[in-house]
PDB file of N, CA and C in Angstrom:
ATOM      1  N   MET A   1      25.987  -3.243-127.531  1.00  0.00           N
ATOM      2  CA  MET A   1      25.345  -2.087-127.436  1.00  0.00           C
ATOM      3  C   MET A   1      24.645  -1.903-128.807  1.00  0.00           C
ATOM      4  N   GLY A   2      25.372  -2.659-129.793  1.00  0.00           N
ATOM      5  CA  GLY A   2      24.389  -2.812-131.215  1.00  0.00           C
ATOM      6  C   GLY A   2      25.091  -1.771-132.002  1.00  0.00           C
ATOM      7  N   ASP A   3      24.308  -1.703-133.086  1.00  0.00           N
ATOM      8  CA  ASP A   3      24.949  -0.739-134.415  1.00  0.00           C
ATOM      9  C   ASP A   3      26.536  -0.853-134.723  1.00  0.00           C
ATOM     10  N   TYR A   4      26.855  -1.930-134.804  1.00  0.00           N
ATOM     11  CA  TYR A   4      28.374  -2.202-135.018  1.00  0.00           C
ATOM     12  C   TYR A   4      28.715  -1.769-136.319  1.00  0.00           C
ATOM     13  N   THR A   5      27.946  -1.722-137.371  1.00  0.00           N
ATOM     14  CA  THR A   5      28.242  -1.499-138.760  1.00  0.00           C
ATOM     15  C   THR A   5      27.091  -0.548-139.170  1.00  0.00           C
ATOM     16  N   GLY A   6      27.339   0.388-140.199  1.00  0.00           N
ATOM     17  CA  GLY A   6      26.235   1.123-140.444  1.00  0.00           C
ATOM     18  C   GLY A   6      26.603   2.033-141.465  1.00  0.00           C
ATOM     19  N   GLU A   7      26.509   3.291-141.107  1.00  0.00           N
ATOM     20  CA  GLU A   7      27.136   4.554-141.997  1.00  0.00           C
ATOM     21  C   GLU A   7      28.548   4.884-142.053  1.00  0.00           C
ATOM     22  N   PHE A   8      29.259   3.662-141.681  1.00  0.00           N
ATOM     23  CA  PHE A   8      31.018   3.950-141.766  1.00  0.00           C
ATOM     24  C   PHE A   8      31.722   3.028-142.396  1.00  0.00           C
ATOM     25  N   PRO A   9      32.784   3.460-143.056  1.00  0.00           N
ATOM     26  CA  PRO A   9      33.505   2.278-143.876  1.00  0.00           C
ATOM     27  C   PRO A   9      34.374   1.360-143.005  1.00  0.00           C
ATOM     28  N   GLY A  10      35.071   0.557-143.204  1.00  0.00           N
ATOM     29  CA  GLY A  10      35.928  -0.159-142.488  1.00  0.00           C
ATOM     30  C   GLY A  10      35.033  -1.310-141.707  1.00  0.00           C
ATOM     31  N   ILE A  11      34.105  -2.017-142.552  1.00  0.00           N
ATOM     32  CA  ILE A  11      33.478  -2.811-142.017  1.00  0.00           C
ATOM     33  C   ILE A  11      34.251  -4.228-141.639  1.00  0.00           C
ATOM     34  N   GLU A  12      35.205  -4.721-142.591  1.00  0.00           N
ATOM     35  CA  GLU A  12      35.970  -5.807-142.220  1.00  0.00           C
ATOM     36  C   GLU A  12      36.808  -5.531-140.990  1.00  0.00           C
ATOM     37  N   GLU A  13      37.320  -4.523-140.760  1.00  0.00           N
ATOM     38  CA  GLU A  13      38.022  -4.217-139.652  1.00  0.00           C
ATOM     39  C   GLU A  13      37.354  -4.248-138.357  1.00  0.00           C
ATOM     40  N   THR A  14      36.113  -3.622-138.597  1.00  0.00           N
ATOM     41  CA  THR A  14      35.333  -3.582-137.244  1.00  0.00           C
ATOM     42  C   THR A  14      34.730  -4.931-136.874  1.00  0.00           C
ATOM     43  N   MET A  15      34.402  -5.977-137.704  1.00  0.00           N
ATOM     44  CA  MET A  15      34.229  -7.217-137.581  1.00  0.00           C
ATOM     45  C   MET A  15      35.035  -7.898-136.949  1.00  0.00           C
ATOM     46  N   LYS A  16      36.547  -7.782-137.580  1.00  0.00           N
ATOM     47  CA  LYS A  16      37.815  -8.665-136.927  1.00  0.00           C
ATOM     48  C   LYS A  16      37.635  -7.902-135.573  1.00  0.00           C
ATOM     49  N   MET A  17      37.634  -6.721-135.203  1.00  0.00           N
ATOM     50  CA  MET A  17      37.824  -6.337-133.661  1.00  0.00           C
ATOM     51  C   MET A  17      36.772  -6.857-132.883  1.00  0.00           C
ATOM     52  N   LEU A  18      35.393  -7.130-133.207  1.00  0.00           N
ATOM     53  CA  LEU A  18      34.523  -7.677-132.613  1.00  0.00           C
ATOM     54  C   LEU A  18      34.773  -9.211-132.186  1.00  0.00           C
ATOM     55  N   TYR A  19      35.276  -9.926-133.347  1.00  0.00           N
ATOM     56  CA  TYR A  19      35.607 -11.193-133.039  1.00  0.00           C
ATOM     57  C   TYR A  19      36.818 -11.422-132.336  1.00  0.00           C
ATOM     58  N   ASP A  20      37.850 -10.481-132.508  1.00  0.00           N
ATOM     59  CA  ASP A  20      39.020 -10.670-131.585  1.00  0.00           C
ATOM     60  C   ASP A  20      38.715 -10.155-130.012  1.00  0.00           C
ATOM     61  N   LEU A  21      37.831  -9.255-129.850  1.00  0.00           N
ATOM     62  CA  LEU A  21      37.254  -9.167-128.535  1.00  0.00           C
ATOM     63  C   LEU A  21      36.620 -10.476-127.833  1.00  0.00           C
ATOM     64  N   ARG A  22      35.697 -10.965-128.900  1.00  0.00           N
ATOM     65  CA  ARG A  22      35.132 -11.976-128.314  1.00  0.00           C
ATOM     66  C   ARG A  22      35.708 -13.245-127.930  1.00  0.00           C
ATOM     67  N   ASP A  23      36.713 -13.325-128.796  1.00  0.00           N
ATOM     68  CA  ASP A  23      37.710 -14.613-128.384  1.00  0.00           C
ATOM     69  C   ASP A  23      38.807 -14.316-127.171  1.00  0.00           C
ATOM     70  N   SER A  24      38.735 -12.878-126.704  1.00  0.00           N
ATOM     71  CA  SER A  24      39.899 -12.755-125.743  1.00  0.00           C
ATOM     72  C   SER A  24      39.419 -12.351-124.483  1.00  0.00           C
ATOM     73  N   GLN A  25      38.019 -11.743-124.592  1.00  0.00           N
ATOM     74  CA  GLN A  25      37.756 -11.154-123.281  1.00  0.00           C
ATOM     75  C   GLN A  25      36.154 -11.621-123.028  1.00  0.00           C
ATOM     76  N   THR A  26      35.814 -11.443-121.980  1.00  0.00           N
ATOM     77  CA  THR A  26      34.209 -11.827-121.482  1.00  0.00           C
ATOM     78  C   THR A  26      33.523 -10.362-122.239  1.00  0.00           C
ATOM     79  N   CYS A  27      32.818 -10.773-123.247  1.00  0.00           N
ATOM     80  CA  CYS A  27      31.994  -9.727-123.750  1.00  0.00           C
ATOM     81  C   CYS A  27      30.369 -10.039-123.920  1.00  0.00           C
ATOM     82  N   TYR A  28      29.603  -8.972-123.993  1.00  0.00           N
ATOM     83  CA  TYR A  28      28.195  -9.155-123.980  1.00  0.00           C
ATOM     84  C   TYR A  28      27.865  -8.279-125.179  1.00  0.00           C
ATOM     85  N   PHE A  29      27.533  -8.781-126.307  1.00  0.00           N
ATOM     86  CA  PHE A  29      27.128  -8.024-127.511  1.00  0.00           C
ATOM     87  C   PHE A  29      25.393  -7.952-127.449  1.00  0.00           C
ATOM     88  N   LEU A  30      24.994  -6.948-127.938  1.00  0.00           N
ATOM     89  CA  LEU A  30      23.465  -6.926-128.187  1.00  0.00           C
ATOM     90  C   LEU A  30      23.378  -6.540-129.506  1.00  0.00           C
ATOM     91  N   SER A  31      22.180  -6.865-130.066  1.00  0.00           N
ATOM     92  CA  SER A  31      21.809  -6.468-131.425  1.00  0.00           C
ATOM     93  C   SER A  31      21.153  -5.198-131.611  1.00  0.00           C
ATOM     94  N   GLY A  32      21.556  -4.289-132.335  1.00  0.00           N
ATOM     95  CA  GLY A  32      20.959  -2.890-132.569  1.00  0.00           C
ATOM     96  C   GLY A  32      20.056  -3.129-133.935  1.00  0.00           C
ATOM     97  N   ASN A  33      19.565  -1.934-134.228  1.00  0.00           N
ATOM     98  CA  ASN A  33      18.636  -1.823-135.562  1.00  0.00           C
ATOM     99  C   ASN A  33      19.456  -1.842-136.754  1.00  0.00           C
ATOM    100  N   LYS A  34      20.632  -1.607-136.668  1.00  0.00           N
ATOM    101  CA  LYS A  34      21.554  -1.674-138.013  1.00  0.00           C
ATOM    102  C   LYS A  34      21.798  -3.164-138.127  1.00  0.00           C
ATOM    103  N   GLU A  35      21.891  -4.007-137.299  1.00  0.00           N
ATOM    104  CA  GLU A  35      22.120  -5.443-137.349  1.00  0.00           C
ATOM    105  C   GLU A  35      20.933  -6.160-138.055  1.00  0.00           C
ATOM    106  N   ASN A  36      19.772  -5.652-137.488  1.00  0.00           N
ATOM    107  CA  ASN A  36      18.650  -6.383-138.041  1.00  0.00           C
ATOM    108  C   ASN A  36      18.481  -5.677-139.504  1.00  0.00           C
ATOM    109  N   TYR A  37      18.994  -4.428-139.843  1.00  0.00           N
ATOM    110  CA  TYR A  37      18.752  -4.060-141.339  1.00  0.00           C
ATOM    111  C   TYR A  37      19.641  -4.840-142.174  1.00  0.00           C
ATOM    112  N   GLN A  38      20.719  -5.276-141.807  1.00  0.00           N
ATOM    113  CA  GLN A  38      21.825  -6.190-142.398  1.00  0.00           C
ATOM    114  C   GLN A  38      20.958  -7.563-142.689  1.00  0.00           C
ATOM    115  N   ILE A  39      20.529  -8.203-141.549  1.00  0.00           N
ATOM    116  CA  ILE A  39      19.874  -9.329-141.692  1.00  0.00           C
ATOM    117  C   ILE A  39      18.734  -9.391-142.586  1.00  0.00           C
ATOM    118  N   ASP A  40      18.077  -8.501-142.331  1.00  0.00           N
ATOM    119  CA  ASP A  40      16.715  -8.145-143.350  1.00  0.00           C
ATOM    120  C   ASP A  40      17.088  -7.653-144.702  1.00  0.00           C
ATOM    121  N   GLU A  41      18.203  -7.636-145.308  1.00  0.00           N
ATOM    122  CA  GLU A  41      18.587  -7.574-146.562  1.00  0.00           C
ATOM    123  C   GLU A  41      18.463  -6.084-146.872  1.00  0.00           C
ATOM    124  N   LEU A  42      18.705  -5.377-145.925  1.00  0.00           N
ATOM    125  CA  LEU A  42      18.923  -3.744-146.138  1.00  0.00           C
ATOM    126  C   LEU A  42      17.756  -3.055-146.365  1.00  0.00           C
ATOM    127  N   GLY A  43      16.585  -3.352-145.954  1.00  0.00           N
ATOM    128  CA  GLY A  43      15.295  -2.356-146.378  1.00  0.00           C
ATOM    129  C   GLY A  43      14.644  -2.876-147.687  1.00  0.00           C
ATOM    130  N   GLU A  44      14.947  -4.033-147.948  1.00  0.00           N
ATOM    131  CA  GLU A  44      14.084  -4.306-149.452  1.00  0.00           C
ATOM    132  C   GLU A  44      12.793  -3.989-148.896  1.00  0.00           C
ATOM    133  N   ASP A  45      12.265  -4.350-147.820  1.00  0.00           N
ATOM    134  CA  ASP A  45      10.631  -4.094-147.645  1.00  0.00           C
ATOM    135  C   ASP A  45      10.442  -2.487-147.194  1.00  0.00           C
ATOM    136  N   TYR A  46      11.521  -1.661-147.209  1.00  0.00           N
ATOM    137  CA  TYR A  46      11.357  -0.220-146.924  1.00  0.00           C
ATOM    138  C   TYR A  46      11.868   0.590-147.991  1.00  0.00           C
ATOM    139  N   PRO A  47      11.096   0.598-149.104  1.00  0.00           N
ATOM    140  CA  PRO A  47      11.441   1.511-150.096  1.00  0.00           C
ATOM    141  C   PRO A  47      11.287   3.019-149.932  1.00  0.00           C
ATOM    142  N   GLU A  48      10.745   3.277-148.765  1.00  0.00           N
ATOM    143  CA  GLU A  48      10.941   4.659-148.328  1.00  0.00           C
ATOM    144  C   GLU A  48      12.252   5.196-147.837  1.00  0.00           C
ATOM    145  N   TRP A  49      13.044   4.125-147.683  1.00  0.00           N
ATOM    146  CA  TRP A  49      14.551   4.393-147.197  1.00  0.00           C
ATOM    147  C   TRP A  49      15.102   5.141-148.453  1.00  0.00           C
ATOM    148  N   ASP A  50      14.823   4.827-149.683  1.00  0.00           N
ATOM    149  CA  ASP A  50      15.711   5.354-150.818  1.00  0.00           C
ATOM    150  C   ASP A  50      15.396   6.836-150.852  1.00  0.00           C
ATOM    151  N   ALA A  51      14.717   7.438-150.091  1.00  0.00           N
ATOM    152  CA  ALA A  51      14.533   9.019-150.018  1.00  0.00           C
ATOM    153  C   ALA A  51      15.685   9.727-149.286  1.00  0.00           C
ATOM    154  N   TYR A  52      16.473   8.660-148.776  1.00  0.00           N
ATOM    155  CA  TYR A  52      17.708   9.100-147.879  1.00  0.00           C
ATOM    156  C   TYR A  52      18.880   8.395-148.443  1.00  0.00           C
ATOM    157  N   PRO A  53      19.208   8.769-149.538  1.00  0.00           N
ATOM    158  CA  PRO A  53      20.221   7.879-150.498  1.00  0.00           C
ATOM    159  C   PRO A  53      21.645   7.671-149.793  1.00  0.00           C
ATOM    160  N   SER A  54      22.098   8.895-148.996  1.00  0.00           N
ATOM    161  CA  SER A  54      23.559   8.496-148.271  1.00  0.00           C
ATOM    162  C   SER A  54      23.593   7.550-147.165  1.00  0.00           C
ATOM    163  N   THR A  55      22.309   7.635-146.564  1.00  0.00           N
ATOM    164  CA  THR A  55      21.969   6.670-145.362  1.00  0.00           C
ATOM    165  C   THR A  55      21.942   5.192-145.921  1.00  0.00           C
ATOM    166  N   ILE A  56      20.932   5.113-146.924  1.00  0.00           N
ATOM    167  CA  ILE A  56      20.867   3.773-147.230  1.00  0.00           C
ATOM    168  C   ILE A  56      21.816   3.191-148.185  1.00  0.00           C
ATOM    169  N   GLY A  57      22.524   4.087-148.864  1.00  0.00           N
ATOM    170  CA  GLY A  57      23.748   3.755-149.617  1.00  0.00           C
ATOM    171  C   GLY A  57      24.880   3.236-148.708  1.00  0.00           C
ATOM    172  N   MET A  58      25.141   3.791-147.347  1.00  0.00           N
ATOM    173  CA  MET A  58      26.103   3.107-146.634  1.00  0.00           C
ATOM    174  C   MET A  58      25.886   2.097-145.938  1.00  0.00           C
ATOM    175  N   LEU A  59      24.403   1.830-145.752  1.00  0.00           N
ATOM    176  CA  LEU A  59      23.888   0.462-145.084  1.00  0.00           C
ATOM    177  C   LEU A  59      24.104  -0.813-146.252  1.00  0.00           C
ATOM    178  N   ARG A  60      23.891  -0.086-147.331  1.00  0.00           N
ATOM    179  CA  ARG A  60      24.157  -1.160-148.565  1.00  0.00           C
ATOM    180  C   ARG A  60      25.502  -1.389-148.892  1.00  0.00           C
ATOM    181  N   TYR A  61      26.261  -0.446-148.677  1.00  0.00           N
ATOM    182  CA  TYR A  61      27.693  -0.586-148.631  1.00  0.00           C
ATOM    183  C   TYR A  61      28.360  -1.502-147.609  1.00  0.00           C
ATOM    184  N   ALA A  62      27.886  -1.379-146.295  1.00  0.00           N
ATOM    185  CA  ALA A  62      28.102  -2.272-145.271  1.00  0.00           C
ATOM    186  C   ALA A  62      27.955  -3.635-145.493  1.00  0.00           C
ATOM    187  N   HIS A  63      26.403  -4.040-146.152  1.00  0.00           N
ATOM    188  CA  HIS A  63      25.963  -5.215-146.407  1.00  0.00           C
ATOM    189  C   HIS A  63      26.912  -6.072-147.369  1.00  0.00           C
ATOM    190  N   LYS A  64      27.247  -5.117-148.373  1.00  0.00           N
ATOM    191  CA  LYS A  64      28.196  -5.983-149.496  1.00  0.00           C
ATOM    192  C   LYS A  64      29.635  -6.285-148.939  1.00  0.00           C
ATOM    193  N   HIS A  65      30.084  -5.871-147.550  1.00  0.00           N
ATOM    194  CA  HIS A  65      31.192  -6.086-147.137  1.00  0.00           C
ATOM    195  C   HIS A  65      31.154  -7.118-145.838  1.00  0.00           C
ATOM    196  N   LEU A  66      29.946  -7.703-145.780  1.00  0.00           N
ATOM    197  CA  LEU A  66      29.795  -8.562-144.493  1.00  0.00           C
ATOM    198  C   LEU A  66      29.957  -9.934-145.246  1.00  0.00           C
ATOM    199  N   THR A  67      30.305 -10.745-144.282  1.00  0.00           N
ATOM    200  CA  THR A  67      30.530 -12.347-144.516  1.00  0.00           C
ATOM    201  C   THR A  67      29.377 -12.941-144.080  1.00  0.00           C
ATOM    202  N   LYS A  68      29.155 -14.340-144.551  1.00  0.00           N
ATOM    203  CA  LYS A  68      28.112 -15.047-144.047  1.00  0.00           C
ATOM    204  C   LYS A  68      28.434 -15.516-142.603  1.00  0.00           C
ATOM    205  N   GLU A  69      29.550 -15.460-142.177  1.00  0.00           N
ATOM    206  CA  GLU A  69      29.918 -15.443-140.594  1.00  0.00           C
ATOM    207  C   GLU A  69      29.432 -14.393-139.918  1.00  0.00           C
ATOM    208  N   ASP A  70      29.624 -13.132-140.556  1.00  0.00           N
ATOM    209  CA  ASP A  70      29.230 -11.705-139.859  1.00  0.00           C
ATOM    210  C   ASP A  70      27.473 -11.867-139.614  1.00  0.00           C
ATOM    211  N   VAL A  71      26.813 -12.246-140.788  1.00  0.00           N
ATOM    212  CA  VAL A  71      25.463 -12.217-140.539  1.00  0.00           C
ATOM    213  C   VAL A  71      24.993 -13.267-139.504  1.00  0.00           C
ATOM    214  N   GLU A  72      25.593 -14.460-139.480  1.00  0.00           N
ATOM    215  CA  GLU A  72      25.420 -15.445-138.519  1.00  0.00           C
ATOM    216  C   GLU A  72      25.558 -14.990-137.144  1.00  0.00           C
ATOM    217  N   PHE A  73      26.618 -13.977-136.998  1.00  0.00           N
ATOM    218  CA  PHE A  73      26.847 -13.387-135.655  1.00  0.00           C
ATOM    219  C   PHE A  73      25.767 -12.381-135.192  1.00  0.00           C
ATOM    220  N   PHE A  74      25.440 -11.571-136.416  1.00  0.00           N
ATOM    221  CA  PHE A  74      24.393 -10.793-135.927  1.00  0.00           C
ATOM    222  C   PHE A  74      23.140 -11.396-135.532  1.00  0.00           C
ATOM    223  N   ASN A  75      22.703 -12.601-136.221  1.00  0.00           N
ATOM    224  CA  ASN A  75      21.554 -13.476-136.019  1.00  0.00           C
ATOM    225  C   ASN A  75      21.725 -13.802-134.426  1.00  0.00           C
ATOM    226  N   SER A  76      22.853 -14.283-134.001  1.00  0.00           N
ATOM    227  CA  SER A  76      23.003 -14.755-132.826  1.00  0.00           C
ATOM    228  C   SER A  76      22.956 -13.638-131.785  1.00  0.00           C
ATOM    229  N   LEU A  77      22.932 -12.579-131.872  1.00  0.00           N
ATOM    230  CA  LEU A  77      22.648 -11.685-130.722  1.00  0.00           C
ATOM    231  C   LEU A  77      21.396 -11.233-130.349  1.00  0.00           C
ATOM    232  N   PRO A  78      21.323 -11.328-128.974  1.00  0.00           N
ATOM    233  CA  PRO A  78      19.955 -10.912-128.305  1.00  0.00           C
ATOM    234  C   PRO A  78      19.672  -9.287-128.539  1.00  0.00           C
ATOM    235  N   ILE A  79      18.557  -8.835-128.521  1.00  0.00           N
ATOM    236  CA  ILE A  79      18.198  -7.561-128.322  1.00  0.00           C
ATOM    237  C   ILE A  79      18.178  -6.905-126.883  1.00  0.00           C
ATOM    238  N   THR A  80      18.067  -7.671-125.883  1.00  0.00           N
ATOM    239  CA  THR A  80      18.185  -7.395-124.559  1.00  0.00           C
ATOM    240  C   THR A  80      18.857  -8.045-123.724  1.00  0.00           C
ATOM    241  N   MET A  81      19.353  -7.872-122.587  1.00  0.00           N
ATOM    242  CA  MET A  81      20.183  -8.621-121.732  1.00  0.00           C
ATOM    243  C   MET A  81      20.169  -8.173-120.212  1.00  0.00           C
ATOM    244  N   ARG A  82      20.087  -8.874-119.409  1.00  0.00           N
ATOM    245  CA  ARG A  82      19.785  -8.462-117.888  1.00  0.00           C
ATOM    246  C   ARG A  82      21.393  -8.861-117.608  1.00  0.00           C
ATOM    247  N   ASN A  83      22.151  -8.113-116.922  1.00  0.00           N
ATOM    248  CA  ASN A  83      23.352  -8.343-116.389  1.00  0.00           C
ATOM    249  C   ASN A  83      23.612  -7.527-115.036  1.00  0.00           C
ATOM    250  N   THR A  84      23.948  -8.522-114.089  1.00  0.00           N
ATOM    251  CA  THR A  84      24.228  -7.748-112.784  1.00  0.00           C
ATOM    252  C   THR A  84      25.737  -7.689-112.373  1.00  0.00           C
ATOM    253  N   ALA A  85      26.200  -6.489-112.181  1.00  0.00           N
ATOM    254  CA  ALA A  85      27.563  -6.423-111.749  1.00  0.00           C
ATOM    255  C   ALA A  85      27.651  -6.092-110.299  1.00  0.00           C
ATOM    256  N   SER A  86      28.577  -6.863-109.920  1.00  0.00           N
ATOM    257  CA  SER A  86      29.076  -6.663-108.418  1.00  0.00           C
ATOM    258  C   SER A  86      30.228  -6.023-108.088  1.00  0.00           C
ATOM    259  N   ALA A  87      30.523  -5.130-107.276  1.00  0.00           N
ATOM    260  CA  ALA A  87      31.596  -4.411-106.977  1.00  0.00           C
ATOM    261  C   ALA A  87      32.326  -5.000-105.988  1.00  0.00           C
ATOM    262  N   THR A  88      33.696  -5.063-106.014  1.00  0.00           N
ATOM    263  CA  THR A  88      34.580  -5.521-104.777  1.00  0.00           C
ATOM    264  C   THR A  88      35.431  -4.258-104.534  1.00  0.00           C
ATOM    265  N   GLY A  89      35.541  -4.198-103.502  1.00  0.00           N
ATOM    266  CA  GLY A  89      36.845  -3.133-103.146  1.00  0.00           C
ATOM    267  C   GLY A  89      37.303  -3.303-101.786  1.00  0.00           C
ATOM    268  N   PRO A  90      37.985  -2.365-101.213  1.00  0.00           N
ATOM    269  CA  PRO A  90      38.656  -2.548 -99.937  1.00  0.00           C
ATOM    270  C   PRO A  90      37.640  -2.298 -98.903  1.00  0.00           C
TER     271      PRO A  90
END
């Protein structure tokens, strides 16, 4: 569903949880706008963001706590996905 990191602390724990889920379950991860912000170096091309110091500050905080593996993971995520679920029952 995207937006895995953003305005919240605990970046390392969040990424570990995502990797643990990916490694133990069938998961479908999508990229959100926050992942794009991380990939695009946190709005270097968006100086207007500096008008919102608490939001951009938290995004920059998140970026400082991401590893190269995390950024590569974000780069691998699609922005859309079609998935068909089938229900089985009695």
